[in-house]
Structure formats: C-alpha cells, structure tokens
C-alpha atoms as a PDB file:
ATOM      1  CA  UNK A   1       0.000   0.000   0.000  1.00  0.00           C
ATOM      2  CA  UNK A   2       1.304   3.451  -0.894  1.00  0.00           C
ATOM      3  CA  UNK A   3       1.675   5.671   2.132  1.00  0.00           C
ATOM      4  CA  UNK A   4       0.759   9.305   1.621  1.00  0.00           C
ATOM      5  CA  UNK A   5       3.130  11.987   2.837  1.00  0.00           C
ATOM      6  CA  UNK A   6       2.204  15.518   3.738  1.00  0.00           C
ATOM      7  CA  UNK A   7       4.055  18.734   3.193  1.00  0.00           C
ATOM      8  CA  UNK A   8       3.778  21.667   5.560  1.00  0.00           C
ATOM      9  CA  UNK A   9       3.980  24.922   3.674  1.00  0.00           C
ATOM     10  CA  UNK A  10       4.685  28.157   5.511  1.00  0.00           C
ATOM     11  CA  UNK A  11       5.071  31.538   3.856  1.00  0.00           C
ATOM     12  CA  UNK A  12       7.961  33.470   5.337  1.00  0.00           C
ATOM     13  CA  UNK A  13       9.012  37.067   5.165  1.00  0.00           C
ATOM     14  CA  UNK A  14      12.559  37.875   4.063  1.00  0.00           C
ATOM     15  CA  UNK A  15      13.600  37.800   7.712  1.00  0.00           C
ATOM     16  CA  UNK A  16      12.369  34.173   7.896  1.00  0.00           C
ATOM     17  CA  UNK A  17       9.730  34.932  10.511  1.00  0.00           C
ATOM     18  CA  UNK A  18       6.194  33.612  10.012  1.00  0.00           C
ATOM     19  CA  UNK A  19       4.267  35.950   7.769  1.00  0.00           C
ATOM     20  CA  UNK A  20       1.243  37.533   9.461  1.00  0.00           C
ATOM     21  CA  UNK A  21      -2.073  36.700   7.877  1.00  0.00           C
ATOM     22  CA  UNK A  22      -2.738  39.253   5.161  1.00  0.00           C
ATOM     23  CA  UNK A  23      -5.575  39.993   2.767  1.00  0.00           C
ATOM     24  CA  UNK A  24      -3.288  39.812  -0.266  1.00  0.00           C
ATOM     25  CA  UNK A  25      -1.993  36.362   0.712  1.00  0.00           C
ATOM     26  CA  UNK A  26      -5.466  35.012   1.405  1.00  0.00           C
ATOM     27  CA  UNK A  27      -6.842  36.143  -1.925  1.00  0.00           C
ATOM     28  CA  UNK A  28      -3.939  34.967  -4.064  1.00  0.00           C
ATOM     29  CA  UNK A  29      -2.767  31.695  -2.513  1.00  0.00           C
ATOM     30  CA  UNK A  30      -5.489  29.119  -3.036  1.00  0.00           C
ATOM     31  CA  UNK A  31      -5.660  25.317  -2.922  1.00  0.00           C
ATOM     32  CA  UNK A  32      -5.717  25.337  -6.749  1.00  0.00           C
ATOM     33  CA  UNK A  33      -2.529  27.415  -6.867  1.00  0.00           C
ATOM     34  CA  UNK A  34      -0.705  24.944  -4.605  1.00  0.00           C
ATOM     35  CA  UNK A  35      -2.163  21.965  -6.494  1.00  0.00           C
ATOM     36  CA  UNK A  36      -0.703  23.203  -9.785  1.00  0.00           C
ATOM     37  CA  UNK A  37       2.700  24.102  -8.327  1.00  0.00           C
ATOM     38  CA  UNK A  38       3.245  20.959  -6.242  1.00  0.00           C
ATOM     39  CA  UNK A  39       1.761  18.923  -9.081  1.00  0.00           C
ATOM     40  CA  UNK A  40       4.964  19.522 -11.055  1.00  0.00           C
ATOM     41  CA  UNK A  41       6.663  17.051  -8.696  1.00  0.00           C
ATOM     42  CA  UNK A  42       3.919  14.516  -8.050  1.00  0.00           C
ATOM     43  CA  UNK A  43       0.220  13.809  -8.066  1.00  0.00           C
ATOM     44  CA  UNK A  44      -1.332  15.997  -5.367  1.00  0.00           C
ATOM     45  CA  UNK A  45      -4.191  14.240  -3.587  1.00  0.00           C
ATOM     46  CA  UNK A  46      -5.474  16.927  -1.225  1.00  0.00           C
ATOM     47  CA  UNK A  47      -4.625  20.509  -0.239  1.00  0.00           C
ATOM     48  CA  UNK A  48      -5.676  22.240   2.947  1.00  0.00           C
ATOM     49  CA  UNK A  49      -4.974  25.871   3.830  1.00  0.00           C
ATOM     50  CA  UNK A  50      -5.305  25.996   7.614  1.00  0.00           C
ATOM     51  CA  UNK A  51      -8.447  27.821   8.714  1.00  0.00           C
ATOM     52  CA  UNK A  52      -6.909  29.625  11.697  1.00  0.00           C
ATOM     53  CA  UNK A  53      -3.368  29.943  10.276  1.00  0.00           C
ATOM     54  CA  UNK A  54      -3.876  30.818   6.650  1.00  0.00           C
ATOM     55  CA  UNK A  55      -0.144  31.352   6.095  1.00  0.00           C
ATOM     56  CA  UNK A  56       0.188  27.566   6.511  1.00  0.00           C
ATOM     57  CA  UNK A  57      -1.017  24.744   4.289  1.00  0.00           C
ATOM     58  CA  UNK A  58      -0.890  20.963   4.066  1.00  0.00           C
ATOM     59  CA  UNK A  59      -0.254  19.337   0.702  1.00  0.00           C
ATOM     60  CA  UNK A  60      -0.850  15.591   0.467  1.00  0.00           C
ATOM     61  CA  UNK A  61       1.259  13.914  -2.221  1.00  0.00           C
ATOM     62  CA  UNK A  62       0.743  10.458  -3.737  1.00  0.00           C
ATOM     63  CA  UNK A  63       3.796   8.850  -2.141  1.00  0.00           C
ATOM     64  CA  UNK A  64       7.058   9.438  -0.262  1.00  0.00           C
ATOM     65  CA  UNK A  65       9.190   9.942  -3.370  1.00  0.00           C
ATOM     66  CA  UNK A  66       6.948  12.648  -4.764  1.00  0.00           C
ATOM     67  CA  UNK A  67       6.765  14.414  -1.405  1.00  0.00           C
ATOM     68  CA  UNK A  68      10.566  14.429  -1.141  1.00  0.00           C
ATOM     69  CA  UNK A  69      10.855  15.798  -4.690  1.00  0.00           C
ATOM     70  CA  UNK A  70       8.407  18.602  -3.935  1.00  0.00           C
ATOM     71  CA  UNK A  71      10.170  19.499  -0.706  1.00  0.00           C
ATOM     72  CA  UNK A  72      13.679  19.478  -2.214  1.00  0.00           C
ATOM     73  CA  UNK A  73      12.714  21.587  -5.241  1.00  0.00           C
ATOM     74  CA  UNK A  74      10.245  24.055  -3.698  1.00  0.00           C
ATOM     75  CA  UNK A  75      11.671  24.784  -0.257  1.00  0.00           C
ATOM     76  CA  UNK A  76      12.953  28.375  -0.260  1.00  0.00           C
ATOM     77  CA  UNK A  77      11.325  29.337  -3.575  1.00  0.00           C
ATOM     78  CA  UNK A  78       9.368  32.577  -3.717  1.00  0.00           C
ATOM     79  CA  UNK A  79       5.648  32.893  -4.359  1.00  0.00           C
ATOM     80  CA  UNK A  80       3.882  36.271  -4.383  1.00  0.00           C
ATOM     81  CA  UNK A  81       7.023  37.918  -3.022  1.00  0.00           C
ATOM     82  CA  UNK A  82       7.367  35.598  -0.027  1.00  0.00           C
ATOM     83  CA  UNK A  83       9.681  32.650   0.494  1.00  0.00           C
ATOM     84  CA  UNK A  84       8.104  29.246   1.098  1.00  0.00           C
ATOM     85  CA  UNK A  85       9.315  26.845   3.740  1.00  0.00           C
ATOM     86  CA  UNK A  86       8.412  23.283   2.886  1.00  0.00           C
ATOM     87  CA  UNK A  87       8.921  20.488   5.422  1.00  0.00           C
ATOM     88  CA  UNK A  88       7.423  17.081   6.128  1.00  0.00           C
ATOM     89  CA  UNK A  89       4.360  17.335   8.317  1.00  0.00           C
ATOM     90  CA  UNK A  90       3.509  15.344  11.418  1.00  0.00           C
ATOM     91  CA  UNK A  91      -0.109  15.124  10.233  1.00  0.00           C
ATOM     92  CA  UNK A  92      -1.082  11.662   9.057  1.00  0.00           C
ATOM     93  CA  UNK A  93      -4.060  12.726   6.978  1.00  0.00           C
ATOM     94  CA  UNK A  94      -5.626  15.764   5.375  1.00  0.00           C
ATOM     95  CA  UNK A  95      -9.173  15.625   6.625  1.00  0.00           C
ATOM     96  CA  UNK A  96     -11.972  16.848   4.401  1.00  0.00           C
ATOM     97  CA  UNK A  97     -14.461  19.136   6.163  1.00  0.00           C
ATOM     98  CA  UNK A  98     -17.527  17.480   7.637  1.00  0.00           C
ATOM     99  CA  UNK A  99     -20.880  18.265   6.096  1.00  0.00           C
ATOM    100  CA  UNK A 100     -22.014  21.678   7.306  1.00  0.00           C
ATOM    101  CA  UNK A 101     -18.564  22.569   8.666  1.00  0.00           C
ATOM    102  CA  UNK A 102     -17.348  26.054   7.751  1.00  0.00           C
ATOM    103  CA  UNK A 103     -14.307  25.783   5.476  1.00  0.00           C
ATOM    104  CA  UNK A 104     -14.403  28.774   3.070  1.00  0.00           C
ATOM    105  CA  UNK A 105     -13.165  26.526   0.260  1.00  0.00           C
ATOM    106  CA  UNK A 106      -9.790  26.051   1.970  1.00  0.00           C
ATOM    107  CA  UNK A 107      -9.727  22.247   1.633  1.00  0.00           C
ATOM    108  CA  UNK A 108      -9.844  20.538  -1.761  1.00  0.00           C
ATOM    109  CA  UNK A 109      -9.702  16.898  -2.842  1.00  0.00           C
ATOM    110  CA  UNK A 110      -7.768  16.415  -6.104  1.00  0.00           C
ATOM    111  CA  UNK A 111      -7.428  12.624  -5.979  1.00  0.00           C
ATOM    112  CA  UNK A 112      -9.430  12.162  -9.202  1.00  0.00           C
ATOM    113  CA  UNK A 113      -8.120  15.259 -11.026  1.00  0.00           C
ATOM    114  CA  UNK A 114      -7.466  14.821 -14.764  1.00  0.00           C
ATOM    115  CA  UNK A 115      -4.471  17.172 -14.396  1.00  0.00           C
ATOM    116  CA  UNK A 116      -2.239  14.653 -12.625  1.00  0.00           C
ATOM    117  CA  UNK A 117       1.044  14.471 -14.542  1.00  0.00           C
ATOM    118  CA  UNK A 118       2.251  11.086 -13.286  1.00  0.00           C
ATOM    119  CA  UNK A 119      -0.778   8.778 -13.276  1.00  0.00           C
ATOM    120  CA  UNK A 120       0.429   6.855 -16.352  1.00  0.00           C
ATOM    121  CA  UNK A 121       3.205   4.340 -15.520  1.00  0.00           C
ATOM    122  CA  UNK A 122       6.320   5.036 -17.563  1.00  0.00           C
ATOM    123  CA  UNK A 123       5.174   8.526 -18.529  1.00  0.00           C
ATOM    124  CA  UNK A 124       7.860  10.793 -20.022  1.00  0.00           C
ATOM    125  CA  UNK A 125       6.961  13.295 -17.309  1.00  0.00           C
ATOM    126  CA  UNK A 126       9.012  11.189 -14.856  1.00  0.00           C
ATOM    127  CA  UNK A 127      12.123  12.000 -16.916  1.00  0.00           C
ATOM    128  CA  UNK A 128      11.438  15.731 -17.066  1.00  0.00           C
ATOM    129  CA  UNK A 129      11.329  16.833 -13.446  1.00  0.00           C
ATOM    130  CA  UNK A 130      13.507  19.890 -12.870  1.00  0.00           C
ATOM    131  CA  UNK A 131      13.898  22.588 -10.203  1.00  0.00           C
ATOM    132  CA  UNK A 132      12.057  25.876 -10.745  1.00  0.00           C
ATOM    133  CA  UNK A 133      13.850  27.987 -13.337  1.00  0.00           C
ATOM    134  CA  UNK A 134      13.206  31.163 -15.300  1.00  0.00           C
ATOM    135  CA  UNK A 135      12.819  29.087 -18.481  1.00  0.00           C
ATOM    136  CA  UNK A 136       9.578  27.172 -19.008  1.00  0.00           C
ATOM    137  CA  UNK A 137       8.856  24.307 -21.382  1.00  0.00           C
ATOM    138  CA  UNK A 138       5.543  24.685 -23.250  1.00  0.00           C
ATOM    139  CA  UNK A 139       3.797  21.874 -25.089  1.00  0.00           C
ATOM    140  CA  UNK A 140       0.492  21.018 -26.768  1.00  0.00           C
ATOM    141  CA  UNK A 141       0.563  24.283 -28.752  1.00  0.00           C
ATOM    142  CA  UNK A 142      -1.920  24.281 -31.670  1.00  0.00           C
ATOM    143  CA  UNK A 143      -0.641  25.218 -35.175  1.00  0.00           C
ATOM    144  CA  UNK A 144      -2.583  28.485 -35.287  1.00  0.00           C
ATOM    145  CA  UNK A 145      -0.926  29.943 -32.151  1.00  0.00           C
ATOM    146  CA  UNK A 146       2.076  32.150 -32.949  1.00  0.00           C
ATOM    147  CA  UNK A 147       5.148  33.263 -31.025  1.00  0.00           C
ATOM    148  CA  UNK A 148       3.567  36.681 -30.540  1.00  0.00           C
ATOM    149  CA  UNK A 149       0.369  35.111 -29.187  1.00  0.00           C
ATOM    150  CA  UNK A 150       2.287  33.224 -26.522  1.00  0.00           C
ATOM    151  CA  UNK A 151       4.592  36.103 -25.626  1.00  0.00           C
ATOM    152  CA  UNK A 152       1.576  38.371 -25.192  1.00  0.00           C
ATOM    153  CA  UNK A 153      -0.244  35.761 -23.085  1.00  0.00           C
ATOM    154  CA  UNK A 154       2.682  35.318 -20.703  1.00  0.00           C
ATOM    155  CA  UNK A 155       3.600  39.001 -20.491  1.00  0.00           C
ATOM    156  CA  UNK A 156       0.063  40.223 -19.801  1.00  0.00           C
ATOM    157  CA  UNK A 157      -0.600  37.493 -17.248  1.00  0.00           C
ATOM    158  CA  UNK A 158       2.542  37.167 -15.191  1.00  0.00           C
ATOM    159  CA  UNK A 159       5.435  39.479 -16.072  1.00  0.00           C
ATOM    160  CA  UNK A 160       8.194  40.165 -18.563  1.00  0.00           C
ATOM    161  CA  UNK A 161       9.148  37.708 -21.305  1.00  0.00           C
ATOM    162  CA  UNK A 162      12.894  37.826 -22.030  1.00  0.00           C
ATOM    163  CA  UNK A 163      13.146  35.193 -24.776  1.00  0.00           C
ATOM    164  CA  UNK A 164      11.106  32.683 -26.734  1.00  0.00           C
ATOM    165  CA  UNK A 165      11.925  29.809 -29.084  1.00  0.00           C
ATOM    166  CA  UNK A 166       9.827  27.180 -30.845  1.00  0.00           C
ATOM    167  CA  UNK A 167      11.369  23.719 -31.087  1.00  0.00           C
ATOM    168  CA  UNK A 168      12.796  23.439 -34.599  1.00  0.00           C
ATOM    169  CA  UNK A 169      11.468  19.944 -35.252  1.00  0.00           C
ATOM    170  CA  UNK A 170       8.169  20.270 -33.398  1.00  0.00           C
ATOM    171  CA  UNK A 171       6.216  23.521 -33.221  1.00  0.00           C
ATOM    172  CA  UNK A 172       3.861  21.980 -30.691  1.00  0.00           C
ATOM    173  CA  UNK A 173       6.603  22.746 -28.157  1.00  0.00           C
ATOM    174  CA  UNK A 174       8.525  25.879 -27.196  1.00  0.00           C
ATOM    175  CA  UNK A 175      10.731  27.435 -24.528  1.00  0.00           C
ATOM    176  CA  UNK A 176       9.870  30.762 -22.946  1.00  0.00           C
ATOM    177  CA  UNK A 177      12.131  32.657 -20.547  1.00  0.00           C
ATOM    178  CA  UNK A 178      10.669  34.945 -17.906  1.00  0.00           C
ATOM    179  CA  UNK A 179      12.667  37.678 -16.164  1.00  0.00           C
ATOM    180  CA  UNK A 180      12.949  35.717 -12.898  1.00  0.00           C
ATOM    181  CA  UNK A 181      12.305  32.308 -11.371  1.00  0.00           C
ATOM    182  CA  UNK A 182       9.504  33.811  -9.274  1.00  0.00           C
ATOM    183  CA  UNK A 183       7.749  35.099 -12.396  1.00  0.00           C
ATOM    184  CA  UNK A 184       8.153  31.704 -14.048  1.00  0.00           C
ATOM    185  CA  UNK A 185       6.599  29.982 -11.038  1.00  0.00           C
ATOM    186  CA  UNK A 186       3.619  32.325 -11.227  1.00  0.00           C
ATOM    187  CA  UNK A 187       3.339  31.814 -14.989  1.00  0.00           C
ATOM    188  CA  UNK A 188       3.228  28.052 -14.536  1.00  0.00           C
ATOM    189  CA  UNK A 189       0.520  28.364 -11.877  1.00  0.00           C
ATOM    190  CA  UNK A 190      -1.566  30.754 -13.984  1.00  0.00           C
ATOM    191  CA  UNK A 191      -1.185  29.184 -17.418  1.00  0.00           C
ATOM    192  CA  UNK A 192      -0.741  25.425 -17.058  1.00  0.00           C
ATOM    193  CA  UNK A 193      -3.846  23.901 -18.701  1.00  0.00           C
ATOM    194  CA  UNK A 194      -4.770  27.273 -20.260  1.00  0.00           C
ATOM    195  CA  UNK A 195      -7.233  26.801 -23.121  1.00  0.00           C
ATOM    196  CA  UNK A 196      -5.534  27.814 -26.377  1.00  0.00           C
ATOM    197  CA  UNK A 197      -8.474  26.785 -28.559  1.00  0.00           C
ATOM    198  CA  UNK A 198      -8.767  23.951 -31.078  1.00  0.00           C
ATOM    199  CA  UNK A 199      -9.163  21.542 -28.149  1.00  0.00           C
ATOM    200  CA  UNK A 200      -5.583  22.262 -27.025  1.00  0.00           C
ATOM    201  CA  UNK A 201      -4.773  22.998 -23.390  1.00  0.00           C
ATOM    202  CA  UNK A 202      -1.285  24.384 -22.773  1.00  0.00           C
ATOM    203  CA  UNK A 203       1.099  22.240 -20.731  1.00  0.00           C
ATOM    204  CA  UNK A 204       3.738  24.134 -18.767  1.00  0.00           C
ATOM    205  CA  UNK A 205       6.725  22.756 -16.868  1.00  0.00           C
ATOM    206  CA  UNK A 206      10.132  23.954 -15.697  1.00  0.00           C
ATOM    207  CA  UNK A 207      13.011  23.476 -18.129  1.00  0.00           C
ATOM    208  CA  UNK A 208      16.683  22.736 -17.575  1.00  0.00           C
ATOM    209  CA  UNK A 209      17.458  24.417 -20.907  1.00  0.00           C
ATOM    210  CA  UNK A 210      18.206  28.065 -21.566  1.00  0.00           C
ATOM    211  CA  UNK A 211      17.451  30.165 -24.622  1.00  0.00           C
END
C-alpha cells in the first residue's frame, strides 16, 4: 500500500519569521494554486490551507518519493514575493471538512483530477522533473498559435518575457524565458492547462534548458 506523505507549507518574510495573515496572501494563494505548483513534482491528492493559520497549508502527495521531490525543489522558492518553507508534516491525513462545517473553500480533494502528470506508468513526465527555473517548457501548442500570441499571453498574465523559441522539429513545443524564477513559477501556476483553442490545453513545466 502506498503511504501518503504531507508537506507543511509556511510563507515566510525575508527575515524568515512567520508571515502575518494578510488579505493579499489570502486572496492569491489558493488550494488550486498549490495543487498546480506541487503537481509539477507529483500527483497531489489533497490541499488544505489551515483555517486559523492561513499562512500555513498541508499538501498531500501520492507517495514518499513525490513528497521528497516537492520538498527538495520548492523549499525556499518565492511565491507572491514571499519565500516558502516546505517540510514534512507530522499530520497523518488531510481531513476533508464534515458536512455543514465552515471551510471557506480552503480544503480541496484532487485525488481524481485529470491534471495529474504522473498517473500513467512510464510517462515521459518522470524524466522531465527539474527545479524551478526562469525558463519554461511549453507543449500542446496548436498550429494556429504564434510566437507573438504566446509572448503576449505570458507578459500580460505574469510578467516580462525575455526570450522565446519554438522547437525546430516540433512547433507543438517551445521554450519561454521569464525575467525571474519567481515570475516563471507564477506563470506556470496561472497558465498550465490554459485553453488555447482547437481543443488544445497548454502544458507548462520547468526546463533545464536556456534560450
């Protein structure tokens, strides 16, 4: 039986003290945001932002290996201007709210999500797991979408695009370089699975390559 592991996520200020609960943080950091980000390193089963400590969250991964990958690659990375501290949690389960229990949408079950990257055994995604970087790998791009379309999408959504390059042998894929790792992280969160039309949803991951 696969044992689930949980990741404790705490947003820290630059002085590494716990960040006080703030309106900006509450509005912008959602279970879906953490699902997409941690989903780069494994299949996220559940996410819970703590009701009374909304600067903290629990992220339940599929197994130990995926939890370790998420922790090693995301600990210390910046999200919305704040550093994240990712550690293993003592909690043995992420409980879903009981019927009628106030939750404000802070707990989500993603165990049957179609967006899991690693549900197929032997998937190429297992070979393409990299630390966050300013360069993103894009795939599933339809033929009608141009370089300018993608540069405009990423620049208007998340920040400044520094470089872009289609793959020479396959224009369904491209590399795009943002001005910082933090901007690239936000771009991945915002635009992974973005509907590009023609029944194509954009796939975004971190790249080890540079442009």
